[in-house]
Amino acid sequence: MLHKYPNVVPIPDSKNKERILENLDADQVTFTDEEFAALETALEGCKVYGHRGHVEEEGKGFLNKKPLR
């Protein structure tokens, strides 16, 4: 995600100190453009099941909702 969206801040979820420290090392991983393209191609071939929290239809997405008052 950091390669694709440099402004993204991942929030690892763990109660285990070792896993948190391990997750923090993710910013040390780098991909060449070719490696990243191959990864993206492979991921695009995977079928995703279940709700992802955002409806992709126009007018029903997060950005189109009216603010709460």
C-alpha atoms as a PDB file:
ATOM      1  CA  MET A   1       0.000   0.000   0.000  1.00  0.00           C
ATOM      2  CA  LEU A   2       2.830   2.412   0.759  1.00  0.00           C
ATOM      3  CA  HIS A   3       4.244   1.861  -2.738  1.00  0.00           C
ATOM      4  CA  LYS A   4       0.892   2.545  -4.362  1.00  0.00           C
ATOM      5  CA  TYR A   5      -0.337   5.304  -2.038  1.00  0.00           C
ATOM      6  CA  PRO A   6       2.551   7.065  -0.249  1.00  0.00           C
ATOM      7  CA  ASN A   7       0.118   9.101   1.835  1.00  0.00           C
ATOM      8  CA  VAL A   8      -1.517   5.991   3.375  1.00  0.00           C
ATOM      9  CA  VAL A   9      -0.866   5.317   7.033  1.00  0.00           C
ATOM     10  CA  PRO A  10      -1.351   1.631   7.839  1.00  0.00           C
ATOM     11  CA  ILE A  11      -2.739   0.828  11.271  1.00  0.00           C
ATOM     12  CA  PRO A  12      -1.633  -2.672  12.233  1.00  0.00           C
ATOM     13  CA  ASP A  13      -4.006  -4.392  14.629  1.00  0.00           C
ATOM     14  CA  SER A  14      -2.385  -6.583  17.241  1.00  0.00           C
ATOM     15  CA  LYS A  15      -2.136  -6.977  20.983  1.00  0.00           C
ATOM     16  CA  ASN A  16       1.114  -8.847  20.588  1.00  0.00           C
ATOM     17  CA  LYS A  17       4.196  -6.640  20.980  1.00  0.00           C
ATOM     18  CA  GLU A  18       6.307  -8.806  18.661  1.00  0.00           C
ATOM     19  CA  ARG A  19       3.700  -8.601  15.862  1.00  0.00           C
ATOM     20  CA  ILE A  20       3.462  -4.818  16.227  1.00  0.00           C
ATOM     21  CA  LEU A  21       7.240  -4.458  15.946  1.00  0.00           C
ATOM     22  CA  GLU A  22       7.254  -6.848  13.002  1.00  0.00           C
ATOM     23  CA  ASN A  23       4.529  -4.809  11.273  1.00  0.00           C
ATOM     24  CA  LEU A  24       6.490  -1.593  11.784  1.00  0.00           C
ATOM     25  CA  ASP A  25       9.273  -3.071   9.664  1.00  0.00           C
ATOM     26  CA  ALA A  26       6.931  -3.085   6.660  1.00  0.00           C
ATOM     27  CA  ASP A  27       8.163   0.363   5.703  1.00  0.00           C
ATOM     28  CA  GLN A  28      11.570  -1.217   5.006  1.00  0.00           C
ATOM     29  CA  VAL A  29      10.113  -3.339   2.173  1.00  0.00           C
ATOM     30  CA  THR A  30      10.598  -1.864  -1.287  1.00  0.00           C
ATOM     31  CA  PHE A  31       9.496  -3.072  -4.708  1.00  0.00           C
ATOM     32  CA  THR A  32      10.810  -2.212  -8.128  1.00  0.00           C
ATOM     33  CA  ASP A  33       8.155  -0.960 -10.518  1.00  0.00           C
ATOM     34  CA  GLU A  34       8.292  -4.338 -12.285  1.00  0.00           C
ATOM     35  CA  GLU A  35       7.828  -6.280  -9.020  1.00  0.00           C
ATOM     36  CA  PHE A  36       4.939  -4.070  -8.016  1.00  0.00           C
ATOM     37  CA  ALA A  37       3.257  -4.458 -11.419  1.00  0.00           C
ATOM     38  CA  ALA A  38       3.583  -8.255 -11.173  1.00  0.00           C
ATOM     39  CA  LEU A  39       2.077  -8.204  -7.673  1.00  0.00           C
ATOM     40  CA  GLU A  40      -0.811  -5.994  -8.809  1.00  0.00           C
ATOM     41  CA  THR A  41      -1.482  -8.288 -11.777  1.00  0.00           C
ATOM     42  CA  ALA A  42      -1.536 -11.355  -9.522  1.00  0.00           C
ATOM     43  CA  LEU A  43      -3.847  -9.666  -7.001  1.00  0.00           C
ATOM     44  CA  GLU A  44      -6.244  -8.520  -9.723  1.00  0.00           C
ATOM     45  CA  GLY A  45      -6.707 -12.184 -10.609  1.00  0.00           C
ATOM     46  CA  CYS A  46      -7.974 -13.045  -7.112  1.00  0.00           C
ATOM     47  CA  LYS A  47     -11.699 -13.125  -6.489  1.00  0.00           C
ATOM     48  CA  VAL A  48     -12.662 -11.084  -3.421  1.00  0.00           C
ATOM     49  CA  TYR A  49     -15.528 -12.363  -1.299  1.00  0.00           C
ATOM     50  CA  GLY A  50     -17.613 -10.377   1.159  1.00  0.00           C
ATOM     51  CA  HIS A  51     -18.319  -6.726   1.816  1.00  0.00           C
ATOM     52  CA  ARG A  52     -15.348  -4.359   1.619  1.00  0.00           C
ATOM     53  CA  GLY A  53     -16.938  -1.367   3.339  1.00  0.00           C
ATOM     54  CA  HIS A  54     -17.355   0.789   0.249  1.00  0.00           C
ATOM     55  CA  VAL A  55     -20.003   0.501  -2.417  1.00  0.00           C
ATOM     56  CA  GLU A  56     -18.465   1.277  -5.793  1.00  0.00           C
ATOM     57  CA  GLU A  57     -21.691   2.556  -7.357  1.00  0.00           C
ATOM     58  CA  GLU A  58     -21.978   6.246  -8.141  1.00  0.00           C
ATOM     59  CA  GLY A  59     -23.972   8.100  -5.539  1.00  0.00           C
ATOM     60  CA  LYS A  60     -23.628   5.436  -2.885  1.00  0.00           C
ATOM     61  CA  GLY A  61     -19.984   5.877  -1.919  1.00  0.00           C
ATOM     62  CA  PHE A  62     -18.518   7.509   1.153  1.00  0.00           C
ATOM     63  CA  LEU A  63     -17.772  10.788  -0.590  1.00  0.00           C
ATOM     64  CA  ASN A  64     -21.371  11.252  -1.687  1.00  0.00           C
ATOM     65  CA  LYS A  65     -22.944  10.951   1.757  1.00  0.00           C
ATOM     66  CA  LYS A  66     -24.357  13.986   3.496  1.00  0.00           C
ATOM     67  CA  PRO A  67     -22.601  15.007   6.716  1.00  0.00           C
ATOM     68  CA  LEU A  68     -24.285  14.258  10.034  1.00  0.00           C
ATOM     69  CA  ARG A  69     -25.564  17.282  11.932  1.00  0.00           C
END
